[in-house]
N, C-alpha and C. Protein backbone atom coordinates (compact mmCIF):
# COMPACT_ATOMS: atom_id res chain seq x y z
N UNK A 1 -7.09 169.00 90.20
CA UNK A 1 -6.89 167.58 90.17
C UNK A 1 -5.96 167.19 91.32
N UNK A 2 -6.31 166.16 92.04
CA UNK A 2 -5.52 165.69 93.17
C UNK A 2 -4.55 164.62 92.71
N UNK A 3 -3.31 164.77 93.12
CA UNK A 3 -2.30 163.77 92.77
C UNK A 3 -2.49 162.54 93.65
N UNK A 4 -2.34 161.40 93.06
CA UNK A 4 -2.45 160.14 93.80
C UNK A 4 -1.04 159.64 94.09
N UNK A 5 -0.78 159.38 95.35
CA UNK A 5 0.52 158.84 95.73
C UNK A 5 0.31 157.54 96.49
N UNK A 6 1.23 156.63 96.31
CA UNK A 6 1.18 155.36 97.01
C UNK A 6 2.36 155.25 97.96
N UNK A 7 2.13 154.60 99.09
CA UNK A 7 3.24 154.32 99.99
C UNK A 7 4.17 153.33 99.33
N UNK A 8 5.44 153.39 99.71
CA UNK A 8 6.40 152.42 99.19
C UNK A 8 6.09 151.03 99.71
N UNK A 9 6.43 150.03 98.91
CA UNK A 9 6.22 148.64 99.30
C UNK A 9 7.57 147.96 99.46
N UNK A 10 7.54 146.74 99.97
CA UNK A 10 8.76 145.97 100.13
C UNK A 10 9.46 145.79 98.79
N UNK A 11 8.70 145.64 97.71
CA UNK A 11 9.28 145.50 96.38
C UNK A 11 10.00 146.75 95.91
N UNK A 12 9.57 147.92 96.38
CA UNK A 12 10.26 149.17 96.05
C UNK A 12 11.61 149.24 96.76
N UNK A 13 11.68 148.69 97.96
CA UNK A 13 12.88 148.77 98.78
C UNK A 13 13.87 147.64 98.51
N UNK A 14 13.42 146.42 98.64
CA UNK A 14 14.30 145.25 98.62
C UNK A 14 14.41 144.70 97.20
N UNK A 15 15.61 144.78 96.63
CA UNK A 15 15.82 144.36 95.26
C UNK A 15 16.46 142.98 95.15
N UNK A 16 17.12 142.54 96.21
CA UNK A 16 17.70 141.20 96.22
C UNK A 16 17.93 140.79 97.66
N UNK A 17 17.71 139.51 97.94
CA UNK A 17 18.09 138.92 99.21
C UNK A 17 18.38 137.44 98.99
N UNK A 18 19.18 136.87 99.88
CA UNK A 18 19.51 135.45 99.80
C UNK A 18 18.27 134.60 100.05
N UNK A 19 18.33 133.36 99.60
CA UNK A 19 17.22 132.43 99.79
C UNK A 19 17.04 132.04 101.25
N UNK A 20 15.87 131.47 101.54
CA UNK A 20 15.54 130.93 102.86
C UNK A 20 15.67 131.96 103.98
N UNK A 21 15.38 133.20 103.68
CA UNK A 21 15.34 134.29 104.65
C UNK A 21 16.69 134.53 105.33
N UNK A 22 17.79 134.11 104.71
CA UNK A 22 19.13 134.28 105.26
C UNK A 22 19.46 135.75 105.52
N UNK A 23 18.94 136.64 104.70
CA UNK A 23 19.27 138.07 104.79
C UNK A 23 18.52 138.78 105.91
N UNK A 24 17.51 138.14 106.46
CA UNK A 24 16.62 138.80 107.43
C UNK A 24 16.94 138.42 108.87
N UNK A 25 16.58 139.33 109.78
CA UNK A 25 16.67 139.09 111.21
C UNK A 25 15.43 139.63 111.88
N UNK A 26 14.97 138.92 112.89
CA UNK A 26 13.90 139.44 113.74
C UNK A 26 14.58 140.16 114.90
N UNK A 27 14.11 141.36 115.22
CA UNK A 27 14.75 142.20 116.23
C UNK A 27 13.71 142.78 117.18
N UNK A 28 14.21 143.26 118.31
CA UNK A 28 13.39 144.00 119.26
C UNK A 28 13.64 145.48 119.04
N UNK A 29 12.56 146.23 118.87
CA UNK A 29 12.64 147.67 118.63
C UNK A 29 12.42 148.40 119.95
N UNK A 30 13.31 149.34 120.25
CA UNK A 30 13.26 150.14 121.47
C UNK A 30 11.94 150.91 121.54
N UNK A 31 11.40 150.99 122.72
CA UNK A 31 10.18 151.77 122.97
C UNK A 31 10.39 153.23 122.56
N UNK A 32 9.33 153.84 122.05
CA UNK A 32 9.39 155.24 121.64
C UNK A 32 9.71 155.43 120.16
N UNK A 33 9.85 154.33 119.43
CA UNK A 33 10.18 154.39 118.00
C UNK A 33 8.95 154.08 117.16
N UNK A 34 8.81 154.77 116.05
CA UNK A 34 7.80 154.45 115.05
C UNK A 34 8.54 154.39 113.72
N UNK A 35 8.99 153.21 113.36
CA UNK A 35 9.86 153.03 112.20
C UNK A 35 9.06 152.65 110.97
N UNK A 36 9.30 153.36 109.90
CA UNK A 36 8.64 153.09 108.63
C UNK A 36 9.46 152.12 107.79
N UNK A 37 8.82 151.46 106.87
CA UNK A 37 9.51 150.61 105.91
C UNK A 37 10.67 151.39 105.30
N UNK A 38 11.86 150.80 105.31
CA UNK A 38 13.02 151.45 104.72
C UNK A 38 13.88 152.25 105.69
N UNK A 39 13.46 152.34 106.95
CA UNK A 39 14.25 153.09 107.93
C UNK A 39 15.59 152.40 108.17
N UNK A 40 16.65 153.16 108.10
CA UNK A 40 17.98 152.65 108.42
C UNK A 40 18.09 152.65 109.95
N UNK A 41 18.51 151.51 110.51
CA UNK A 41 18.53 151.36 111.96
C UNK A 41 19.95 151.15 112.48
N UNK A 42 20.09 151.41 113.77
CA UNK A 42 21.32 151.11 114.49
C UNK A 42 20.97 150.18 115.65
N UNK A 43 21.96 149.48 116.15
CA UNK A 43 21.75 148.53 117.24
C UNK A 43 22.35 149.12 118.52
N UNK A 44 21.55 149.21 119.58
CA UNK A 44 22.02 149.71 120.87
C UNK A 44 22.94 148.66 121.48
N UNK A 45 24.18 149.01 121.69
CA UNK A 45 25.20 148.04 122.11
C UNK A 45 24.84 147.30 123.40
N UNK A 46 24.34 148.00 124.39
CA UNK A 46 24.09 147.39 125.70
C UNK A 46 22.97 146.36 125.67
N UNK A 47 21.98 146.55 124.79
CA UNK A 47 20.80 145.68 124.80
C UNK A 47 20.62 144.85 123.54
N UNK A 48 21.31 145.21 122.48
CA UNK A 48 21.16 144.61 121.16
C UNK A 48 19.80 144.90 120.53
N UNK A 49 19.01 145.79 121.14
CA UNK A 49 17.75 146.23 120.55
C UNK A 49 18.07 147.29 119.50
N UNK A 50 17.12 147.55 118.61
CA UNK A 50 17.37 148.49 117.53
C UNK A 50 16.49 149.72 117.64
N UNK A 51 16.97 150.78 117.00
CA UNK A 51 16.21 152.02 116.87
C UNK A 51 16.70 152.73 115.62
N UNK A 52 16.02 153.79 115.25
CA UNK A 52 16.42 154.54 114.06
C UNK A 52 17.87 155.00 114.20
N UNK A 53 18.59 154.95 113.09
CA UNK A 53 19.97 155.42 113.06
C UNK A 53 20.04 156.83 113.64
N UNK A 54 21.03 157.06 114.50
CA UNK A 54 21.25 158.37 115.09
C UNK A 54 22.74 158.67 115.06
N UNK A 55 23.22 159.35 114.01
CA UNK A 55 24.66 159.59 113.86
C UNK A 55 25.30 160.33 115.03
N UNK A 56 24.53 161.03 115.83
CA UNK A 56 25.10 161.77 116.96
C UNK A 56 25.07 160.97 118.27
N UNK A 57 24.54 159.76 118.24
CA UNK A 57 24.45 158.94 119.44
C UNK A 57 25.80 158.35 119.81
N UNK A 58 25.88 157.80 121.02
CA UNK A 58 27.08 157.11 121.47
C UNK A 58 26.73 155.76 122.09
N UNK A 59 25.53 155.26 121.80
CA UNK A 59 25.08 154.00 122.38
C UNK A 59 25.14 152.82 121.41
N UNK A 60 25.72 153.03 120.24
CA UNK A 60 25.77 152.00 119.21
C UNK A 60 24.83 152.28 118.05
N UNK A 61 23.79 153.05 118.30
CA UNK A 61 22.82 153.34 117.24
C UNK A 61 23.34 154.35 116.23
N UNK A 62 24.57 154.81 116.42
CA UNK A 62 25.20 155.70 115.43
C UNK A 62 25.80 154.92 114.27
N UNK A 63 25.80 153.59 114.37
CA UNK A 63 26.35 152.72 113.33
C UNK A 63 25.19 152.00 112.63
N UNK A 64 25.10 152.12 111.33
CA UNK A 64 24.04 151.47 110.57
C UNK A 64 24.17 149.95 110.67
N UNK A 65 23.07 149.29 111.04
CA UNK A 65 23.08 147.84 111.25
C UNK A 65 22.05 147.10 110.41
N UNK A 66 21.27 147.82 109.61
CA UNK A 66 20.27 147.17 108.78
C UNK A 66 19.20 148.14 108.34
N UNK A 67 18.18 147.57 107.70
CA UNK A 67 17.07 148.36 107.15
C UNK A 67 15.76 147.66 107.49
N UNK A 68 14.79 148.42 107.95
CA UNK A 68 13.49 147.89 108.35
C UNK A 68 12.71 147.41 107.12
N UNK A 69 12.17 146.18 107.21
CA UNK A 69 11.43 145.58 106.10
C UNK A 69 9.91 145.69 106.24
N UNK A 70 9.47 146.17 107.38
CA UNK A 70 8.03 146.40 107.58
C UNK A 70 7.90 147.52 108.61
N UNK A 71 6.88 148.32 108.49
CA UNK A 71 6.68 149.38 109.47
C UNK A 71 6.48 148.77 110.85
N UNK A 72 7.08 149.40 111.86
CA UNK A 72 7.02 148.88 113.23
C UNK A 72 6.70 150.05 114.15
N UNK A 73 5.53 149.99 114.78
CA UNK A 73 5.15 151.04 115.71
C UNK A 73 5.41 150.59 117.14
N UNK A 74 6.52 151.07 117.68
CA UNK A 74 6.87 150.78 119.07
C UNK A 74 6.76 152.05 119.90
N UNK A 75 5.84 152.94 119.52
CA UNK A 75 5.68 154.22 120.20
C UNK A 75 5.37 154.03 121.68
N UNK A 76 4.47 153.11 121.98
CA UNK A 76 4.01 152.93 123.35
C UNK A 76 4.85 151.91 124.13
N UNK A 77 5.34 150.89 123.44
CA UNK A 77 6.10 149.84 124.12
C UNK A 77 7.00 149.16 123.10
N UNK A 78 8.10 148.58 123.58
CA UNK A 78 9.00 147.91 122.64
C UNK A 78 8.29 146.76 121.94
N UNK A 79 8.73 146.49 120.74
CA UNK A 79 8.16 145.41 119.93
C UNK A 79 9.24 144.37 119.69
N UNK A 80 8.88 143.11 119.86
CA UNK A 80 9.86 142.03 119.70
C UNK A 80 9.80 141.37 118.33
N UNK A 81 8.93 141.84 117.47
CA UNK A 81 8.76 141.19 116.17
C UNK A 81 9.16 142.06 115.00
N UNK A 82 10.14 142.93 115.20
CA UNK A 82 10.62 143.77 114.10
C UNK A 82 11.38 142.94 113.09
N UNK A 83 11.24 143.26 111.83
CA UNK A 83 11.92 142.51 110.77
C UNK A 83 12.84 143.45 110.00
N UNK A 84 14.13 143.07 109.92
CA UNK A 84 15.11 143.88 109.21
C UNK A 84 15.88 143.01 108.22
N UNK A 85 16.52 143.67 107.26
CA UNK A 85 17.49 143.02 106.40
C UNK A 85 18.85 143.49 106.91
N UNK A 86 19.75 142.51 107.15
CA UNK A 86 21.03 142.88 107.77
C UNK A 86 22.23 142.20 107.14
N UNK A 87 22.03 141.50 106.02
CA UNK A 87 23.17 140.87 105.34
C UNK A 87 22.74 140.40 103.95
N UNK A 88 23.71 140.33 103.05
CA UNK A 88 23.53 139.75 101.72
C UNK A 88 22.23 140.20 101.04
N UNK A 89 22.14 141.51 100.82
CA UNK A 89 20.94 142.06 100.20
C UNK A 89 21.29 143.32 99.41
N UNK A 90 20.35 143.70 98.53
CA UNK A 90 20.46 144.96 97.80
C UNK A 90 19.18 145.74 98.07
N UNK A 91 19.34 147.02 98.46
CA UNK A 91 18.20 147.89 98.70
C UNK A 91 18.31 149.11 97.79
N UNK A 92 17.16 149.69 97.48
CA UNK A 92 17.10 150.87 96.61
C UNK A 92 17.27 152.13 97.45
N UNK A 93 18.17 153.00 97.01
CA UNK A 93 18.46 154.22 97.76
C UNK A 93 17.23 155.11 97.94
N UNK A 94 16.38 155.18 96.93
CA UNK A 94 15.22 156.08 96.99
C UNK A 94 14.18 155.63 98.02
N UNK A 95 14.27 154.39 98.48
CA UNK A 95 13.30 153.87 99.43
C UNK A 95 13.80 153.89 100.87
N UNK A 96 15.04 154.34 101.09
CA UNK A 96 15.59 154.39 102.44
C UNK A 96 15.06 155.61 103.19
N UNK A 97 14.83 155.43 104.49
CA UNK A 97 14.37 156.51 105.35
C UNK A 97 15.53 156.87 106.29
N UNK A 98 15.95 158.13 106.21
CA UNK A 98 17.09 158.62 106.97
C UNK A 98 16.63 159.59 108.05
N UNK A 99 17.47 159.81 109.08
CA UNK A 99 17.14 160.84 110.06
C UNK A 99 17.00 162.20 109.36
N UNK A 100 16.12 163.02 109.85
CA UNK A 100 15.83 164.31 109.21
C UNK A 100 17.08 165.18 109.09
N UNK A 101 17.90 165.24 110.12
CA UNK A 101 19.04 166.16 110.13
C UNK A 101 20.35 165.51 109.68
N UNK A 102 20.29 164.35 109.04
CA UNK A 102 21.53 163.67 108.64
C UNK A 102 22.27 164.50 107.58
N UNK A 103 23.58 164.56 107.71
CA UNK A 103 24.39 165.28 106.74
C UNK A 103 24.80 164.34 105.62
N UNK A 104 25.30 164.91 104.54
CA UNK A 104 25.78 164.11 103.42
C UNK A 104 26.91 163.19 103.87
N UNK A 105 27.81 163.70 104.69
CA UNK A 105 28.93 162.89 105.18
C UNK A 105 28.45 161.74 106.05
N UNK A 106 27.47 162.00 106.93
CA UNK A 106 26.92 160.95 107.80
C UNK A 106 26.20 159.89 106.97
N UNK A 107 25.47 160.32 105.94
CA UNK A 107 24.77 159.37 105.08
C UNK A 107 25.77 158.50 104.32
N UNK A 108 26.83 159.12 103.81
CA UNK A 108 27.87 158.36 103.11
C UNK A 108 28.51 157.34 104.03
N UNK A 109 28.77 157.73 105.27
CA UNK A 109 29.35 156.81 106.26
C UNK A 109 28.39 155.66 106.57
N UNK A 110 27.11 155.97 106.70
CA UNK A 110 26.11 154.94 107.00
C UNK A 110 25.97 153.95 105.84
N UNK A 111 26.00 154.45 104.62
CA UNK A 111 25.94 153.56 103.45
C UNK A 111 27.15 152.64 103.44
N UNK A 112 28.32 153.17 103.76
CA UNK A 112 29.53 152.34 103.84
C UNK A 112 29.40 151.29 104.94
N UNK A 113 28.78 151.65 106.06
CA UNK A 113 28.57 150.69 107.15
C UNK A 113 27.61 149.58 106.71
N UNK A 114 26.54 149.95 106.00
CA UNK A 114 25.62 148.93 105.48
C UNK A 114 26.35 148.00 104.51
N UNK A 115 27.12 148.58 103.61
CA UNK A 115 27.83 147.76 102.62
C UNK A 115 28.85 146.85 103.29
N UNK A 116 29.44 147.29 104.41
CA UNK A 116 30.41 146.46 105.14
C UNK A 116 29.76 145.20 105.72
N UNK A 117 28.44 145.25 105.99
CA UNK A 117 27.74 144.06 106.50
C UNK A 117 27.02 143.31 105.38
N UNK A 118 27.18 143.78 104.14
CA UNK A 118 26.62 143.07 103.00
C UNK A 118 25.28 143.58 102.51
N UNK A 119 24.84 144.74 102.98
CA UNK A 119 23.61 145.35 102.49
C UNK A 119 24.03 146.46 101.53
N UNK A 120 23.91 146.18 100.24
CA UNK A 120 24.34 147.12 99.22
C UNK A 120 23.23 148.10 98.89
N UNK A 121 23.58 149.37 98.80
CA UNK A 121 22.62 150.42 98.46
C UNK A 121 22.87 150.80 97.02
N UNK A 122 21.83 150.69 96.20
CA UNK A 122 21.98 150.96 94.77
C UNK A 122 21.01 152.05 94.33
N UNK A 123 21.48 152.90 93.44
CA UNK A 123 20.64 153.96 92.88
C UNK A 123 19.89 153.44 91.67
N UNK A 124 18.69 153.95 91.52
CA UNK A 124 17.92 153.69 90.32
C UNK A 124 17.48 152.26 90.11
N UNK A 125 17.40 151.48 91.18
CA UNK A 125 16.92 150.09 91.03
C UNK A 125 15.54 149.95 91.57
């Protein structure tokens, strides 16, 4: 028997946001990125463009700045229509996408960075 699995949806990830799209931002995603729904992102300081969180970076993307609300394929070229949640929201921990090699300490720091901007990470929601 084959197990049936479904991809996560926005409802699995986003548990609360302010009205009138206050919690959301449209962003430009750096070329070479293929970000899935729920990816924790960082903002490149020099350009204000975003890419997947990279705790070992020194360009600003080592600081969590939001969570991707829709998959964004910028593999071939940067995309200017990326949608993230970056304030006054609650997201489910099980739906977040982290870098493969992230350590427990780095993840804890990133969650604290998200919470500092008003994106609360909750377990079991």
